[in-house]
N, C-alpha and C. Protein backbone atom coordinates (compact mmCIF):
# COMPACT_ATOMS: atom_id res chain seq x y z
N ARG A 1 154.86 169.88 212.94
CA ARG A 1 153.93 168.91 213.51
C ARG A 1 154.22 168.78 215.00
N THR A 2 153.19 168.80 215.79
CA THR A 2 153.37 168.66 217.24
C THR A 2 153.02 167.24 217.65
N ASP A 3 153.31 166.90 218.90
CA ASP A 3 153.00 165.56 219.40
C ASP A 3 151.51 165.30 219.54
N SER A 4 150.70 166.35 219.62
CA SER A 4 149.26 166.16 219.82
C SER A 4 148.52 165.88 218.52
N THR A 5 149.20 165.95 217.39
CA THR A 5 148.53 165.66 216.13
C THR A 5 149.24 164.50 215.43
N HIS A 6 148.52 163.88 214.56
CA HIS A 6 149.05 162.74 213.83
C HIS A 6 148.55 162.84 212.40
N SER A 7 149.41 162.65 211.45
CA SER A 7 149.03 162.75 210.06
C SER A 7 149.08 161.38 209.41
N GLN A 8 147.96 160.97 208.85
CA GLN A 8 147.91 159.70 208.13
C GLN A 8 147.00 159.92 206.93
N ASP A 9 147.50 159.65 205.75
CA ASP A 9 146.75 159.86 204.51
C ASP A 9 146.25 161.29 204.39
N GLY A 10 147.02 162.25 204.88
CA GLY A 10 146.64 163.65 204.75
C GLY A 10 145.64 164.12 205.77
N ILE A 11 145.25 163.29 206.74
CA ILE A 11 144.26 163.68 207.75
C ILE A 11 145.00 163.97 209.05
N GLN A 12 144.77 165.15 209.60
CA GLN A 12 145.37 165.51 210.87
C GLN A 12 144.34 165.27 211.97
N ALA A 13 144.75 164.59 213.04
CA ALA A 13 143.83 164.31 214.13
C ALA A 13 144.54 164.46 215.45
N SER A 14 143.84 165.03 216.42
CA SER A 14 144.42 165.17 217.76
C SER A 14 144.27 163.84 218.48
N GLY A 15 144.85 163.74 219.67
CA GLY A 15 144.79 162.50 220.45
C GLY A 15 143.36 162.08 220.76
N ALA A 16 142.50 163.04 221.11
CA ALA A 16 141.10 162.71 221.44
C ALA A 16 140.36 162.20 220.21
N VAL A 17 140.59 162.83 219.08
CA VAL A 17 139.94 162.41 217.84
C VAL A 17 140.43 161.03 217.42
N ARG A 18 141.73 160.80 217.56
CA ARG A 18 142.28 159.47 217.25
C ARG A 18 141.63 158.40 218.11
N GLN A 19 141.47 158.70 219.39
CA GLN A 19 140.85 157.74 220.31
C GLN A 19 139.40 157.47 219.90
N GLN A 20 138.68 158.51 219.49
CA GLN A 20 137.29 158.33 219.06
C GLN A 20 137.23 157.53 217.76
N LEU A 21 138.13 157.80 216.83
CA LEU A 21 138.16 157.03 215.58
C LEU A 21 138.48 155.57 215.85
N TYR A 22 139.43 155.33 216.77
CA TYR A 22 139.78 153.95 217.13
C TYR A 22 138.57 153.25 217.75
N HIS A 23 137.85 153.97 218.62
CA HIS A 23 136.67 153.39 219.26
C HIS A 23 135.61 153.04 218.21
N CYS A 24 135.38 153.94 217.24
CA CYS A 24 134.40 153.68 216.17
C CYS A 24 134.82 152.48 215.33
N ALA A 25 136.10 152.39 215.01
CA ALA A 25 136.59 151.26 214.21
C ALA A 25 136.46 149.95 214.98
N THR A 26 136.73 150.00 216.28
CA THR A 26 136.59 148.81 217.10
C THR A 26 135.13 148.37 217.18
N MET A 27 134.24 149.31 217.38
CA MET A 27 132.81 149.00 217.44
C MET A 27 132.31 148.45 216.10
N LEU A 28 132.81 148.99 215.01
CA LEU A 28 132.44 148.50 213.69
C LEU A 28 132.90 147.06 213.52
N SER A 29 134.12 146.78 213.94
CA SER A 29 134.64 145.41 213.85
C SER A 29 133.80 144.44 214.67
N LEU A 30 133.42 144.86 215.87
CA LEU A 30 132.57 144.01 216.71
C LEU A 30 131.21 143.79 216.08
N ASN A 31 130.65 144.85 215.48
CA ASN A 31 129.35 144.74 214.83
C ASN A 31 129.42 143.77 213.66
N ILE A 32 130.46 143.86 212.86
CA ILE A 32 130.63 142.94 211.74
C ILE A 32 130.74 141.51 212.25
N TYR A 33 131.48 141.32 213.33
CA TYR A 33 131.62 139.99 213.93
C TYR A 33 130.26 139.44 214.34
N TRP A 34 129.48 140.26 215.05
CA TRP A 34 128.17 139.79 215.52
C TRP A 34 127.22 139.49 214.37
N VAL A 35 127.17 140.36 213.39
CA VAL A 35 126.22 140.21 212.29
C VAL A 35 126.58 139.04 211.39
N PHE A 36 127.85 138.92 211.02
CA PHE A 36 128.22 137.94 210.01
C PHE A 36 128.67 136.60 210.57
N LEU A 37 129.09 136.54 211.81
CA LEU A 37 129.59 135.27 212.33
C LEU A 37 128.66 134.62 213.35
N LEU A 38 128.04 135.41 214.18
CA LEU A 38 127.24 134.82 215.25
C LEU A 38 125.79 134.58 214.85
N PHE A 39 125.21 135.46 214.08
CA PHE A 39 123.81 135.32 213.72
C PHE A 39 123.68 134.56 212.40
N VAL A 40 124.00 133.28 212.44
CA VAL A 40 123.90 132.43 211.27
C VAL A 40 122.76 131.45 211.49
N CYS A 41 121.86 131.37 210.52
CA CYS A 41 120.77 130.39 210.58
C CYS A 41 121.28 129.10 209.98
N ARG A 42 121.00 127.99 210.62
CA ARG A 42 121.54 126.70 210.17
C ARG A 42 120.40 125.68 210.07
N CYS A 43 120.38 124.94 208.95
CA CYS A 43 119.40 123.87 208.74
C CYS A 43 119.81 122.67 209.59
N GLU A 44 118.89 122.16 210.38
CA GLU A 44 119.18 121.01 211.24
C GLU A 44 119.23 119.70 210.46
N ILE A 45 118.72 119.70 209.23
CA ILE A 45 118.69 118.48 208.43
C ILE A 45 119.98 118.28 207.65
N CYS A 46 120.41 119.32 206.93
CA CYS A 46 121.58 119.15 206.04
C CYS A 46 122.76 120.06 206.39
N GLY A 47 122.60 121.00 207.31
CA GLY A 47 123.70 121.87 207.69
C GLY A 47 123.83 123.14 206.87
N TYR A 48 122.93 123.39 205.93
CA TYR A 48 122.94 124.61 205.12
C TYR A 48 122.95 125.82 206.04
N GLN A 49 123.76 126.85 205.72
CA GLN A 49 123.85 128.05 206.54
C GLN A 49 123.48 129.28 205.73
N CYS A 50 122.77 130.20 206.38
CA CYS A 50 122.43 131.47 205.76
C CYS A 50 122.32 132.52 206.86
N ARG A 51 122.20 133.78 206.48
CA ARG A 51 122.17 134.85 207.46
C ARG A 51 120.77 135.33 207.80
N GLN A 52 119.80 134.99 206.97
CA GLN A 52 118.45 135.49 207.20
C GLN A 52 117.49 134.33 207.46
N ARG A 53 116.58 134.55 208.37
CA ARG A 53 115.59 133.53 208.72
C ARG A 53 114.70 133.21 207.52
N ALA A 54 114.39 134.21 206.71
CA ALA A 54 113.54 134.01 205.53
C ALA A 54 114.23 133.07 204.54
N SER A 55 115.55 133.18 204.40
CA SER A 55 116.28 132.28 203.50
C SER A 55 116.24 130.86 204.00
N LEU A 56 116.33 130.68 205.32
CA LEU A 56 116.24 129.34 205.89
C LEU A 56 114.84 128.76 205.69
N ASN A 57 113.82 129.58 205.86
CA ASN A 57 112.44 129.10 205.64
C ASN A 57 112.26 128.65 204.19
N TRP A 58 112.81 129.41 203.24
CA TRP A 58 112.74 129.04 201.82
C TRP A 58 113.48 127.74 201.58
N HIS A 59 114.63 127.58 202.19
CA HIS A 59 115.43 126.36 202.05
C HIS A 59 114.68 125.16 202.62
N MET A 60 113.99 125.33 203.72
CA MET A 60 113.30 124.21 204.37
C MET A 60 112.19 123.64 203.49
N LYS A 61 111.64 124.46 202.59
CA LYS A 61 110.63 123.96 201.66
C LYS A 61 111.20 122.85 200.78
N LYS A 62 112.48 122.92 200.51
CA LYS A 62 113.15 121.89 199.71
C LYS A 62 113.05 120.53 200.42
N HIS A 63 113.28 120.53 201.72
CA HIS A 63 113.21 119.28 202.47
C HIS A 63 111.77 118.76 202.57
N ASP A 64 110.81 119.68 202.67
CA ASP A 64 109.40 119.28 202.73
C ASP A 64 108.96 118.62 201.44
N THR A 65 109.44 119.12 200.30
CA THR A 65 109.01 118.57 199.01
C THR A 65 109.72 117.26 198.69
N GLU A 66 110.89 117.03 199.28
CA GLU A 66 111.60 115.77 199.02
C GLU A 66 110.79 114.58 199.50
N ILE A 67 109.99 114.79 200.51
CA ILE A 67 109.17 113.70 201.05
C ILE A 67 108.13 113.26 200.02
N GLN A 68 107.66 114.17 199.18
CA GLN A 68 106.63 113.87 198.20
C GLN A 68 107.16 113.13 196.98
N TYR A 69 108.46 113.10 196.78
CA TYR A 69 109.04 112.43 195.62
C TYR A 69 109.23 110.95 195.93
N ASN A 70 108.22 110.14 195.61
CA ASN A 70 108.23 108.73 195.97
C ASN A 70 108.71 107.81 194.86
N PHE A 71 108.85 108.33 193.64
CA PHE A 71 109.21 107.49 192.50
C PHE A 71 110.61 107.85 192.02
N THR A 72 111.47 106.84 191.86
CA THR A 72 112.87 107.05 191.53
C THR A 72 113.23 106.36 190.22
N CYS A 73 114.05 107.03 189.42
CA CYS A 73 114.59 106.43 188.20
C CYS A 73 115.67 105.44 188.58
N GLU A 74 115.54 104.21 188.13
CA GLU A 74 116.53 103.18 188.50
C GLU A 74 117.87 103.35 187.80
N TYR A 75 117.92 104.22 186.78
CA TYR A 75 119.17 104.41 186.04
C TYR A 75 120.04 105.53 186.62
N CYS A 76 119.42 106.63 187.07
CA CYS A 76 120.21 107.76 187.56
C CYS A 76 119.88 108.17 189.00
N GLY A 77 118.80 107.65 189.55
CA GLY A 77 118.44 107.96 190.93
C GLY A 77 117.64 109.23 191.11
N LYS A 78 117.31 109.93 190.02
CA LYS A 78 116.51 111.14 190.12
C LYS A 78 115.11 110.79 190.62
N LYS A 79 114.55 111.64 191.48
CA LYS A 79 113.25 111.35 192.10
C LYS A 79 112.14 112.18 191.47
N PHE A 80 110.95 111.58 191.43
CA PHE A 80 109.80 112.23 190.83
C PHE A 80 108.57 112.04 191.70
N GLU A 81 107.61 112.93 191.48
CA GLU A 81 106.37 112.91 192.26
C GLU A 81 105.39 111.87 191.71
N LYS A 82 105.42 111.64 190.38
CA LYS A 82 104.48 110.72 189.74
C LYS A 82 105.21 109.66 188.93
N MET A 83 104.62 108.49 188.83
CA MET A 83 105.21 107.41 188.06
C MET A 83 105.26 107.76 186.57
N ASP A 84 104.25 108.49 186.09
CA ASP A 84 104.26 108.91 184.68
C ASP A 84 105.46 109.81 184.38
N SER A 85 105.85 110.62 185.35
CA SER A 85 107.01 111.50 185.16
C SER A 85 108.29 110.67 185.05
N VAL A 86 108.37 109.58 185.80
CA VAL A 86 109.54 108.70 185.71
C VAL A 86 109.59 108.06 184.33
N LYS A 87 108.45 107.61 183.82
CA LYS A 87 108.41 106.98 182.49
C LYS A 87 108.84 107.95 181.41
N PHE A 88 108.34 109.20 181.47
CA PHE A 88 108.72 110.21 180.48
C PHE A 88 110.20 110.52 180.59
N HIS A 89 110.71 110.62 181.81
CA HIS A 89 112.12 110.90 182.04
C HIS A 89 113.00 109.81 181.44
N LYS A 90 112.60 108.56 181.62
CA LYS A 90 113.39 107.44 181.07
C LYS A 90 113.42 107.50 179.55
N LEU A 91 112.28 107.80 178.94
CA LEU A 91 112.24 107.90 177.48
C LEU A 91 113.12 109.03 176.96
N LYS A 92 113.13 110.13 177.67
CA LYS A 92 113.86 111.31 177.25
C LYS A 92 115.36 111.23 177.60
N SER A 93 115.67 110.81 178.82
CA SER A 93 117.06 110.86 179.30
C SER A 93 117.83 109.55 179.15
N HIS A 94 117.12 108.42 179.08
CA HIS A 94 117.79 107.13 178.99
C HIS A 94 117.19 106.29 177.86
N PRO A 95 117.17 106.80 176.62
CA PRO A 95 116.57 106.03 175.52
C PRO A 95 117.34 104.74 175.23
N GLU A 96 118.63 104.71 175.52
CA GLU A 96 119.44 103.51 175.25
C GLU A 96 119.06 102.35 176.17
N CYS A 97 118.41 102.65 177.27
CA CYS A 97 118.05 101.61 178.25
C CYS A 97 116.67 101.01 177.98
N GLN A 98 115.94 101.57 177.03
CA GLN A 98 114.59 101.11 176.76
C GLN A 98 114.61 99.86 175.88
N THR A 99 113.71 98.93 176.17
CA THR A 99 113.57 97.72 175.34
C THR A 99 112.42 97.93 174.37
N ILE A 100 112.54 97.29 173.23
CA ILE A 100 111.50 97.44 172.19
C ILE A 100 110.40 96.47 172.40
């Protein structure tokens, strides 16, 4: 083995090739950093984080629909869009709380 080659895991590489491999590995590390750490989409309402804008748009629909849930179960706090849904929920989920 000469000084111009290096053996690691059975791969022989000259100094120039080692430098190129190091450069590629460094660039890959930087790319991973940029993609996974810097480009994070964040919900301004609840702080939810995701990597894709489409996922954030889907998540935001959750906040839009919460506004429509105006009726709340007084026993568990679950919210519903219609008063009839609250009544059915109480009968099904809280039968012990119902009066005869």
